[in-house]
Each structure stands twice: as structure tokens, then as C-alpha cells.
């Protein structure tokens, strides 16, 4: 039986990616992992995940939370580097 970690490794997702998706949707991390693993399988899904991260950057900046915005921005940059798509 595969663990969530096995699935994340297969999809090249980090725990931080999953935590961000969970925060964006206000859902448990196990559910976010399933969603992210499914979405990252397509160009459209990868772009959607990128947008989720950018949404959180925007929200953090709107609240003036620079540290959080940087965390999300850094995670987004890592995600894009790991999952390149032509925009």
C-alpha cells in the first residue's frame, strides 16, 4: 500500500506544497495531498496549483504579512522550478 509520502514523492511535491494547498482551501493536509497529486498530472492542474500559491502571496501582502508572503513566494518559485510548464 502506498503512503501519502510515496504519492508526494512520485508527484515531486513537498510537504510545504501540500501545506499551502491545505491552507488555500482550508482542508486537511491528507485531502490537499490527494488534490495536488491529481492536479500536478496535467498542465492545467499545475497552473492551477501555481495560482493557488500566488493567491496566498497576494493575501499575505494585502495583510502586510511580509514573512508569510515570502514563504509562499519561495514555495511557489520552488514549485515552478520543479514543475515547469509553458505559460
N, C-alpha and C. Protein backbone atom coordinates (compact mmCIF):
# COMPACT_ATOMS: atom_id res chain seq x y z
N UNK A 1 0.84 -1.17 0.00
CA UNK A 1 0.00 0.00 0.00
C UNK A 1 0.90 1.24 0.00
N UNK A 2 0.53 2.23 -0.80
CA UNK A 2 1.30 3.47 -0.88
C UNK A 2 0.90 4.42 0.24
N UNK A 3 1.90 5.09 0.76
CA UNK A 3 1.63 6.12 1.76
C UNK A 3 1.48 7.47 1.05
N UNK A 4 1.00 8.45 1.78
CA UNK A 4 0.90 9.81 1.21
C UNK A 4 2.29 10.28 0.80
N UNK A 5 3.30 9.97 1.60
CA UNK A 5 4.67 10.37 1.26
C UNK A 5 5.10 9.76 -0.07
N UNK A 6 4.76 8.49 -0.30
CA UNK A 6 5.09 7.84 -1.57
C UNK A 6 4.44 8.59 -2.73
N UNK A 7 3.19 8.96 -2.56
CA UNK A 7 2.48 9.69 -3.62
C UNK A 7 3.11 11.06 -3.86
N UNK A 8 3.45 11.75 -2.80
CA UNK A 8 4.07 13.07 -2.94
C UNK A 8 5.43 12.96 -3.62
N UNK A 9 6.19 11.95 -3.25
CA UNK A 9 7.49 11.74 -3.90
C UNK A 9 7.31 11.45 -5.38
N UNK A 10 6.32 10.62 -5.71
CA UNK A 10 6.04 10.29 -7.11
C UNK A 10 5.67 11.54 -7.91
N UNK A 11 4.89 12.42 -7.30
CA UNK A 11 4.42 13.64 -7.98
C UNK A 11 5.41 14.79 -7.85
N UNK A 12 6.51 14.57 -7.14
CA UNK A 12 7.51 15.60 -6.90
C UNK A 12 6.91 16.81 -6.20
N UNK A 13 6.13 16.54 -5.13
CA UNK A 13 5.55 17.59 -4.31
C UNK A 13 6.19 17.55 -2.93
N UNK A 14 6.31 18.70 -2.31
CA UNK A 14 6.88 18.79 -0.98
C UNK A 14 5.77 18.90 0.06
N UNK A 15 6.15 18.68 1.30
CA UNK A 15 5.19 18.89 2.39
C UNK A 15 4.71 20.33 2.41
N UNK A 16 5.60 21.25 2.07
CA UNK A 16 5.24 22.68 2.02
C UNK A 16 4.19 22.93 0.94
N UNK A 17 4.34 22.30 -0.22
CA UNK A 17 3.34 22.44 -1.28
C UNK A 17 1.96 22.01 -0.76
N UNK A 18 1.94 20.87 -0.10
CA UNK A 18 0.68 20.34 0.42
C UNK A 18 0.11 21.25 1.50
N UNK A 19 0.96 21.75 2.38
CA UNK A 19 0.50 22.66 3.43
C UNK A 19 -0.12 23.92 2.84
N UNK A 20 0.47 24.41 1.76
CA UNK A 20 -0.05 25.61 1.11
C UNK A 20 -1.41 25.33 0.47
N UNK A 21 -1.55 24.20 -0.19
CA UNK A 21 -2.84 23.84 -0.80
C UNK A 21 -3.88 23.68 0.30
N UNK A 22 -3.51 23.03 1.40
CA UNK A 22 -4.44 22.85 2.52
C UNK A 22 -4.88 24.20 3.08
N UNK A 23 -3.95 25.12 3.20
CA UNK A 23 -4.28 26.45 3.71
C UNK A 23 -5.17 27.21 2.72
N UNK A 24 -4.84 27.11 1.44
CA UNK A 24 -5.62 27.82 0.42
C UNK A 24 -7.09 27.39 0.43
N UNK A 25 -7.31 26.08 0.62
CA UNK A 25 -8.67 25.55 0.58
C UNK A 25 -9.28 25.30 1.95
N UNK A 26 -8.49 25.53 3.01
CA UNK A 26 -8.93 25.28 4.38
C UNK A 26 -9.44 23.84 4.53
N UNK A 27 -8.57 22.91 4.12
CA UNK A 27 -8.87 21.47 4.20
C UNK A 27 -7.71 20.75 4.87
N UNK A 28 -7.93 19.52 5.33
CA UNK A 28 -6.83 18.75 5.92
C UNK A 28 -5.73 18.47 4.89
N UNK A 29 -4.52 18.31 5.40
CA UNK A 29 -3.38 18.08 4.51
C UNK A 29 -3.51 16.77 3.71
N UNK A 30 -4.13 15.75 4.28
CA UNK A 30 -4.30 14.49 3.54
C UNK A 30 -5.17 14.73 2.30
N UNK A 31 -6.22 15.51 2.44
CA UNK A 31 -7.07 15.83 1.29
C UNK A 31 -6.32 16.70 0.29
N UNK A 32 -5.55 17.65 0.81
CA UNK A 32 -4.77 18.53 -0.08
C UNK A 32 -3.75 17.72 -0.87
N UNK A 33 -3.16 16.72 -0.24
CA UNK A 33 -2.18 15.87 -0.94
C UNK A 33 -2.84 15.14 -2.10
N UNK A 34 -4.04 14.62 -1.89
CA UNK A 34 -4.75 13.92 -2.96
C UNK A 34 -5.09 14.88 -4.10
N UNK A 35 -5.56 16.06 -3.76
CA UNK A 35 -5.90 17.05 -4.78
C UNK A 35 -4.65 17.44 -5.57
N UNK A 36 -3.58 17.77 -4.85
CA UNK A 36 -2.35 18.22 -5.50
C UNK A 36 -1.77 17.14 -6.41
N UNK A 37 -1.77 15.89 -5.95
CA UNK A 37 -1.23 14.79 -6.77
C UNK A 37 -2.04 14.63 -8.06
N UNK A 38 -3.32 14.85 -7.97
CA UNK A 38 -4.14 14.76 -9.18
C UNK A 38 -3.91 15.94 -10.11
N UNK A 39 -3.86 17.13 -9.54
CA UNK A 39 -3.71 18.33 -10.36
C UNK A 39 -2.36 18.40 -11.07
N UNK A 40 -1.32 17.97 -10.40
CA UNK A 40 0.02 18.11 -10.97
C UNK A 40 0.25 17.19 -12.17
N UNK A 41 -0.70 16.33 -12.45
CA UNK A 41 -0.58 15.41 -13.58
C UNK A 41 -0.88 16.08 -14.92
N UNK A 42 -1.43 17.30 -14.89
CA UNK A 42 -1.74 17.98 -16.14
C UNK A 42 -1.20 19.40 -16.13
N UNK A 43 -1.02 19.96 -17.30
CA UNK A 43 -0.55 21.34 -17.44
C UNK A 43 -1.52 22.29 -16.75
N UNK A 44 -2.81 22.11 -17.00
CA UNK A 44 -3.82 22.98 -16.41
C UNK A 44 -3.82 22.89 -14.89
N UNK A 45 -3.68 21.67 -14.37
CA UNK A 45 -3.64 21.48 -12.93
C UNK A 45 -2.41 22.10 -12.31
N UNK A 46 -1.28 21.99 -12.98
CA UNK A 46 -0.05 22.61 -12.49
C UNK A 46 -0.19 24.13 -12.45
N UNK A 47 -0.80 24.69 -13.48
CA UNK A 47 -1.04 26.14 -13.49
C UNK A 47 -2.00 26.54 -12.38
N UNK A 48 -2.99 25.70 -12.11
CA UNK A 48 -3.94 25.98 -11.03
C UNK A 48 -3.23 25.98 -9.67
N UNK A 49 -2.37 24.99 -9.45
CA UNK A 49 -1.62 24.93 -8.19
C UNK A 49 -0.72 26.16 -8.03
N UNK A 50 -0.11 26.57 -9.13
CA UNK A 50 0.72 27.78 -9.09
C UNK A 50 -0.14 28.98 -8.70
N UNK A 51 -1.33 29.08 -9.26
CA UNK A 51 -2.22 30.20 -8.96
C UNK A 51 -2.65 30.18 -7.49
N UNK A 52 -2.89 28.99 -6.93
CA UNK A 52 -3.24 28.90 -5.51
C UNK A 52 -2.13 29.53 -4.67
N UNK A 53 -0.89 29.21 -5.02
CA UNK A 53 0.25 29.75 -4.26
C UNK A 53 0.34 31.26 -4.42
N UNK A 54 0.15 31.73 -5.64
CA UNK A 54 0.21 33.17 -5.89
C UNK A 54 -0.94 33.90 -5.18
N UNK A 55 -2.10 33.26 -5.08
CA UNK A 55 -3.21 33.85 -4.33
C UNK A 55 -2.83 34.07 -2.87
N UNK A 56 -2.16 33.09 -2.30
CA UNK A 56 -1.75 33.22 -0.90
C UNK A 56 -0.68 34.29 -0.73
N UNK A 57 0.20 34.44 -1.71
CA UNK A 57 1.18 35.54 -1.68
C UNK A 57 0.43 36.87 -1.63
N UNK A 58 -0.54 37.02 -2.53
CA UNK A 58 -1.32 38.27 -2.59
C UNK A 58 -2.05 38.54 -1.28
N UNK A 59 -2.69 37.52 -0.72
CA UNK A 59 -3.42 37.71 0.54
C UNK A 59 -2.49 38.12 1.68
N UNK A 60 -1.33 37.48 1.74
CA UNK A 60 -0.37 37.81 2.80
C UNK A 60 0.13 39.24 2.63
N UNK A 61 0.40 39.64 1.39
CA UNK A 61 0.86 41.01 1.14
C UNK A 61 -0.22 42.03 1.48
N UNK A 62 -1.48 41.71 1.16
CA UNK A 62 -2.59 42.61 1.49
C UNK A 62 -2.71 42.81 2.99
N UNK A 63 -2.41 41.78 3.77
CA UNK A 63 -2.46 41.87 5.23
C UNK A 63 -1.18 42.47 5.82
N UNK A 64 -0.18 42.70 4.96
CA UNK A 64 1.08 43.25 5.43
C UNK A 64 1.98 42.22 6.10
N UNK A 65 1.70 40.96 5.88
CA UNK A 65 2.48 39.87 6.48
C UNK A 65 3.61 39.49 5.52
N UNK A 66 4.70 40.21 5.60
CA UNK A 66 5.82 40.02 4.68
C UNK A 66 6.47 38.65 4.80
N UNK A 67 6.59 38.17 6.03
CA UNK A 67 7.23 36.86 6.25
C UNK A 67 6.43 35.75 5.58
N UNK A 68 5.13 35.80 5.74
CA UNK A 68 4.27 34.80 5.13
C UNK A 68 4.28 34.92 3.60
N UNK A 69 4.25 36.13 3.11
CA UNK A 69 4.30 36.35 1.66
C UNK A 69 5.60 35.77 1.10
N UNK A 70 6.70 35.98 1.80
CA UNK A 70 7.99 35.43 1.35
C UNK A 70 7.96 33.91 1.36
N UNK A 71 7.39 33.33 2.41
CA UNK A 71 7.29 31.86 2.49
C UNK A 71 6.52 31.33 1.28
N UNK A 72 5.39 31.92 0.97
CA UNK A 72 4.58 31.47 -0.16
C UNK A 72 5.28 31.72 -1.49
N UNK A 73 5.95 32.87 -1.60
CA UNK A 73 6.65 33.21 -2.84
C UNK A 73 7.80 32.22 -3.08
N UNK A 74 8.55 31.91 -2.03
CA UNK A 74 9.65 30.95 -2.15
C UNK A 74 9.14 29.57 -2.52
N UNK A 75 8.05 29.15 -1.89
CA UNK A 75 7.47 27.84 -2.21
C UNK A 75 6.97 27.81 -3.65
N UNK A 76 6.38 28.90 -4.09
CA UNK A 76 5.89 28.99 -5.47
C UNK A 76 7.06 28.89 -6.45
N UNK A 77 8.14 29.57 -6.16
CA UNK A 77 9.31 29.53 -7.04
C UNK A 77 9.87 28.11 -7.12
N UNK A 78 9.93 27.42 -5.98
CA UNK A 78 10.41 26.03 -5.98
C UNK A 78 9.46 25.13 -6.78
N UNK A 79 8.16 25.36 -6.60
CA UNK A 79 7.18 24.56 -7.31
C UNK A 79 7.31 24.75 -8.81
N UNK A 80 7.42 26.00 -9.25
CA UNK A 80 7.55 26.28 -10.68
C UNK A 80 8.82 25.66 -11.25
N UNK A 81 9.91 25.72 -10.49
CA UNK A 81 11.16 25.12 -10.94
C UNK A 81 11.05 23.60 -11.07
N UNK A 82 10.27 22.98 -10.19
CA UNK A 82 10.10 21.52 -10.21
C UNK A 82 9.06 21.06 -11.22
N UNK A 83 8.15 21.97 -11.58
CA UNK A 83 7.04 21.61 -12.46
C UNK A 83 6.91 22.65 -13.58
N UNK A 84 7.93 22.74 -14.44
CA UNK A 84 7.87 23.76 -15.48
C UNK A 84 6.78 23.48 -16.52
N UNK A 85 6.08 24.53 -16.88
CA UNK A 85 5.08 24.46 -17.95
C UNK A 85 5.22 25.74 -18.78
N UNK A 86 4.87 25.65 -20.02
CA UNK A 86 4.90 26.88 -20.82
C UNK A 86 3.62 27.66 -20.52
N UNK A 87 3.79 28.90 -20.22
CA UNK A 87 2.63 29.74 -19.84
C UNK A 87 2.02 30.39 -21.01
